[in-house]
Amino acid sequence: MKVLFVHGLASSGAFKLAEMLRILLKAEVVAPDVPIDPDEALELLRGLCESEQPDLVVGLSWGGFLTQQLRGIPRALINPDLNVARFLRTLSSPVEYLSPRRDGATSFTITPALCDRYEALEATLFTDDDPSLVLGLFAENDELVRCGDEFEQHYPGQAVRYPGGHLPTYPQVKQFLAPALRAFINENPL
C-alpha cells in the first residue's frame, strides 16, 4: 500500500504521523513538505498523485483541507480545518515552522491575499463526485478545530469519532485511526 501524507500547517513531511502510518499500516509513505501557497500546494499534491499513484491520501488539519481538494481518489481527513482562511487571519506573521523542512525554511508569511485564496477554495470543498471516497476522522476533544459536524452534513456516515486531541498520539493512531484507515482502503481499492 502507498500513502501520500499531507501534513498540517506550520509543519513538514517529517511530522511524526507520517512514520506512524508507515509502521502501523505497513505502507510506503510519501510525505512531502507542502508549500503554504494553496496553488503551489495543490500543484505539488496533484503531481504527486499522478506520479506516485497512492492508494490513499491522508491529510492532517490544514493538510486535510488540501487533501479534500484532490478529487477522484480515496482520501482521509484527520481533524481537517475546513475554515483555513478564518484560522490564518487569527495568526501573527511570520509563523515559525514546528518541524524541520527539507528546504531549510523556518517560517512563512500570512498576507490578506493568501487568506483570500484559501477563502475562495473553501467554496469548492464539498463538490465531490463520489462521497464514498472521503473519510473524516475527528478527535472528540480537538482543541484547535471542530469541523466534524460540518463534514457530516456533506458526507453522512463517512465520519469516525475517536477520543483524543487535535494531534493524534501513537496509541490513538494504533487503536482508532489505523484500523479505520485499513477498513476504508479495503472498501475503496484503486
Protein backbone atom coordinates (compact mmCIF):
# COMPACT_ATOMS: atom_id res chain seq x y z
CA MET A 1 0.00 0.00 0.00
CA LYS A 2 1.19 3.52 -0.79
CA VAL A 3 0.02 6.55 1.22
CA LEU A 4 0.52 10.22 0.43
CA PHE A 5 0.64 12.09 3.75
CA VAL A 6 -0.21 15.80 3.79
CA HIS A 7 0.99 17.45 6.99
CA GLY A 8 -0.65 20.23 8.98
CA LEU A 9 0.01 23.97 8.95
CA ALA A 10 3.46 25.08 10.12
CA SER A 11 4.73 21.53 9.82
CA SER A 12 6.55 19.34 7.31
CA GLY A 13 6.71 15.87 5.83
CA ALA A 14 8.94 14.98 8.79
CA PHE A 15 5.96 15.19 11.16
CA LYS A 16 5.69 12.06 13.34
CA LEU A 17 2.32 10.95 11.95
CA ALA A 18 3.99 10.02 8.66
CA GLU A 19 6.19 7.50 10.48
CA MET A 20 3.22 6.18 12.48
CA LEU A 21 1.39 5.48 9.22
CA ARG A 22 4.46 3.70 7.80
CA ILE A 23 4.66 1.45 10.84
CA LEU A 24 1.00 0.80 11.57
CA LEU A 25 -0.29 0.50 8.01
CA LYS A 26 2.86 -1.26 6.78
CA ALA A 27 2.77 1.23 3.94
CA GLU A 28 5.17 3.16 1.80
CA VAL A 29 4.52 6.77 2.82
CA VAL A 30 5.29 9.72 0.59
CA ALA A 31 5.46 12.80 2.85
CA PRO A 32 6.47 16.00 1.06
CA ASP A 33 7.00 19.42 2.57
CA VAL A 34 3.92 21.23 1.25
CA PRO A 35 4.15 24.94 0.36
CA ILE A 36 1.85 27.34 2.23
CA ASP A 37 0.57 28.89 -1.00
CA PRO A 38 -2.58 26.90 -1.89
CA ASP A 39 -1.98 26.99 -5.66
CA GLU A 40 1.58 25.72 -5.26
CA ALA A 41 0.46 23.17 -2.68
CA LEU A 42 -2.27 21.73 -4.89
CA GLU A 43 0.01 21.65 -7.93
CA LEU A 44 2.58 19.66 -5.92
CA LEU A 45 -0.04 17.29 -4.47
CA ARG A 46 -1.81 16.66 -7.78
CA GLY A 47 1.55 15.98 -9.41
CA LEU A 48 2.45 13.50 -6.67
CA CYS A 49 -0.93 11.78 -7.03
CA GLU A 50 -0.23 11.35 -10.73
CA SER A 51 3.40 10.24 -10.40
CA GLU A 52 3.18 8.18 -7.20
CA GLN A 53 -0.33 6.71 -7.67
CA PRO A 54 -1.09 6.46 -3.93
CA ASP A 55 -3.78 4.09 -2.72
CA LEU A 56 -4.79 6.65 -0.12
CA VAL A 57 -4.12 10.31 0.64
CA VAL A 58 -4.16 11.18 4.35
CA GLY A 59 -4.30 14.83 5.37
CA LEU A 60 -3.97 16.22 8.89
CA SER A 61 -5.65 19.52 9.83
CA TRP A 62 -4.58 22.06 7.17
CA GLY A 63 -3.41 19.06 5.15
CA GLY A 64 -6.94 17.68 5.41
CA PHE A 65 -8.25 20.86 3.80
CA LEU A 66 -5.81 20.42 0.89
CA THR A 67 -6.48 16.68 0.69
CA GLN A 68 -10.20 17.34 0.28
CA GLN A 69 -9.36 19.18 -2.95
CA LEU A 70 -7.89 16.00 -4.50
CA ARG A 71 -10.94 14.55 -6.20
CA GLY A 72 -11.34 11.04 -7.54
CA ILE A 73 -9.08 9.09 -5.16
CA PRO A 74 -9.61 7.68 -1.67
CA ARG A 75 -8.71 10.29 0.91
CA ALA A 76 -8.87 10.50 4.67
CA LEU A 77 -9.08 13.81 6.52
CA ILE A 78 -7.82 13.72 10.11
CA ASN A 79 -9.16 16.68 12.12
CA PRO A 80 -9.39 18.78 8.97
CA ASP A 81 -9.56 22.54 9.23
CA LEU A 82 -12.33 23.31 6.77
CA ASN A 83 -12.10 27.05 7.50
CA VAL A 84 -8.42 27.76 6.87
CA ALA A 85 -8.86 31.42 5.92
CA ARG A 86 -10.54 32.24 9.22
CA PHE A 87 -7.79 30.45 11.18
CA LEU A 88 -4.96 32.11 9.22
CA ARG A 89 -6.46 35.53 9.91
CA THR A 90 -6.04 34.91 13.65
CA LEU A 91 -2.28 34.30 13.39
CA SER A 92 0.52 36.84 13.61
CA SER A 93 3.03 36.75 10.79
CA PRO A 94 5.67 35.45 10.39
CA VAL A 95 4.72 31.97 11.59
CA GLU A 96 7.55 29.60 12.52
CA TYR A 97 7.52 26.03 11.27
CA LEU A 98 7.25 23.48 14.09
CA SER A 99 9.15 20.68 12.36
CA PRO A 100 12.21 20.80 10.08
CA ARG A 101 11.69 21.30 6.38
CA ARG A 102 13.90 19.95 3.62
CA ASP A 103 14.22 23.40 2.05
CA GLY A 104 15.54 24.86 5.30
CA ALA A 105 12.67 27.35 5.62
CA THR A 106 11.98 28.29 9.23
CA SER A 107 8.89 30.49 8.83
CA PHE A 108 6.21 31.68 6.44
CA THR A 109 4.26 34.91 5.99
CA ILE A 110 0.50 35.28 6.06
CA THR A 111 -0.94 38.01 3.84
CA PRO A 112 -4.53 39.11 3.21
CA ALA A 113 -4.18 37.83 -0.38
CA LEU A 114 -3.16 34.39 0.89
CA CYS A 115 -6.19 34.28 3.18
CA ASP A 116 -8.44 35.35 0.30
CA ARG A 117 -7.14 32.49 -1.89
CA TYR A 118 -7.93 29.98 0.86
CA GLU A 119 -11.37 31.50 1.30
CA ALA A 120 -12.07 31.03 -2.42
CA LEU A 121 -11.05 27.35 -2.16
CA GLU A 122 -13.38 26.83 0.80
CA ALA A 123 -16.33 27.38 -1.53
CA THR A 124 -15.32 24.27 -3.51
CA LEU A 125 -14.69 21.88 -0.60
CA PHE A 126 -17.84 19.82 -0.93
CA THR A 127 -18.26 19.50 -4.67
CA ASP A 128 -17.32 15.83 -4.89
CA ASP A 129 -18.43 13.32 -7.46
CA ASP A 130 -18.19 10.35 -5.06
CA PRO A 131 -18.58 10.96 -1.30
CA SER A 132 -17.69 7.32 -0.60
CA LEU A 133 -14.08 8.23 -1.45
CA VAL A 134 -13.83 10.50 1.61
CA LEU A 135 -13.37 9.50 5.25
CA GLY A 136 -13.32 12.03 8.07
CA LEU A 137 -11.60 11.20 11.37
CA PHE A 138 -12.42 13.58 14.19
CA ALA A 139 -10.98 13.84 17.69
CA GLU A 140 -13.67 14.25 20.32
CA ASN A 141 -11.54 16.76 22.25
CA ASP A 142 -9.97 18.72 19.41
CA GLU A 143 -8.67 21.93 20.93
CA LEU A 144 -7.94 23.72 17.62
CA VAL A 145 -10.61 22.94 15.02
CA ARG A 146 -14.04 21.37 15.27
CA CYS A 147 -15.32 20.64 11.81
CA GLY A 148 -16.86 17.19 12.31
CA ASP A 149 -20.46 18.38 12.22
CA GLU A 150 -19.85 20.44 9.07
CA PHE A 151 -18.20 17.43 7.40
CA GLU A 152 -21.08 15.11 8.35
CA GLN A 153 -23.64 17.50 6.83
CA HIS A 154 -21.99 16.85 3.46
CA TYR A 155 -20.84 13.26 3.99
CA PRO A 156 -23.34 11.45 6.21
CA GLY A 157 -21.96 8.17 7.51
CA GLN A 158 -18.40 8.97 6.42
CA ALA A 159 -17.08 10.24 9.77
CA VAL A 160 -15.40 8.40 12.63
CA ARG A 161 -15.02 10.00 16.05
CA TYR A 162 -12.21 8.98 18.35
CA PRO A 163 -11.04 10.03 21.81
CA GLY A 164 -8.18 12.48 21.70
CA GLY A 165 -6.97 15.94 20.79
CA HIS A 166 -6.04 17.69 17.57
CA LEU A 167 -2.71 15.92 17.05
CA PRO A 168 -3.22 12.17 17.40
CA THR A 169 -0.81 10.21 19.59
CA TYR A 170 0.72 6.87 18.67
CA PRO A 171 -1.72 4.92 20.90
CA GLN A 172 -4.68 6.74 19.30
CA VAL A 173 -3.40 6.09 15.80
CA LYS A 174 -2.80 2.43 16.64
CA GLN A 175 -6.15 1.84 18.35
CA PHE A 176 -8.52 4.02 16.32
CA LEU A 177 -7.11 5.64 13.20
CA ALA A 178 -5.07 2.83 11.62
CA PRO A 179 -7.96 0.30 11.81
CA ALA A 180 -10.36 2.88 10.34
CA LEU A 181 -7.91 3.68 7.54
CA ARG A 182 -7.36 -0.02 6.76
CA ALA A 183 -11.11 -0.65 6.58
CA PHE A 184 -11.61 2.42 4.40
CA ILE A 185 -8.92 1.48 1.90
CA ASN A 186 -10.28 -2.09 1.72
CA GLU A 187 -13.66 -0.61 0.76
CA ASN A 188 -12.08 1.69 -1.86
CA PRO A 189 -9.29 -0.17 -3.69
CA LEU A 190 -7.91 1.62 -6.72
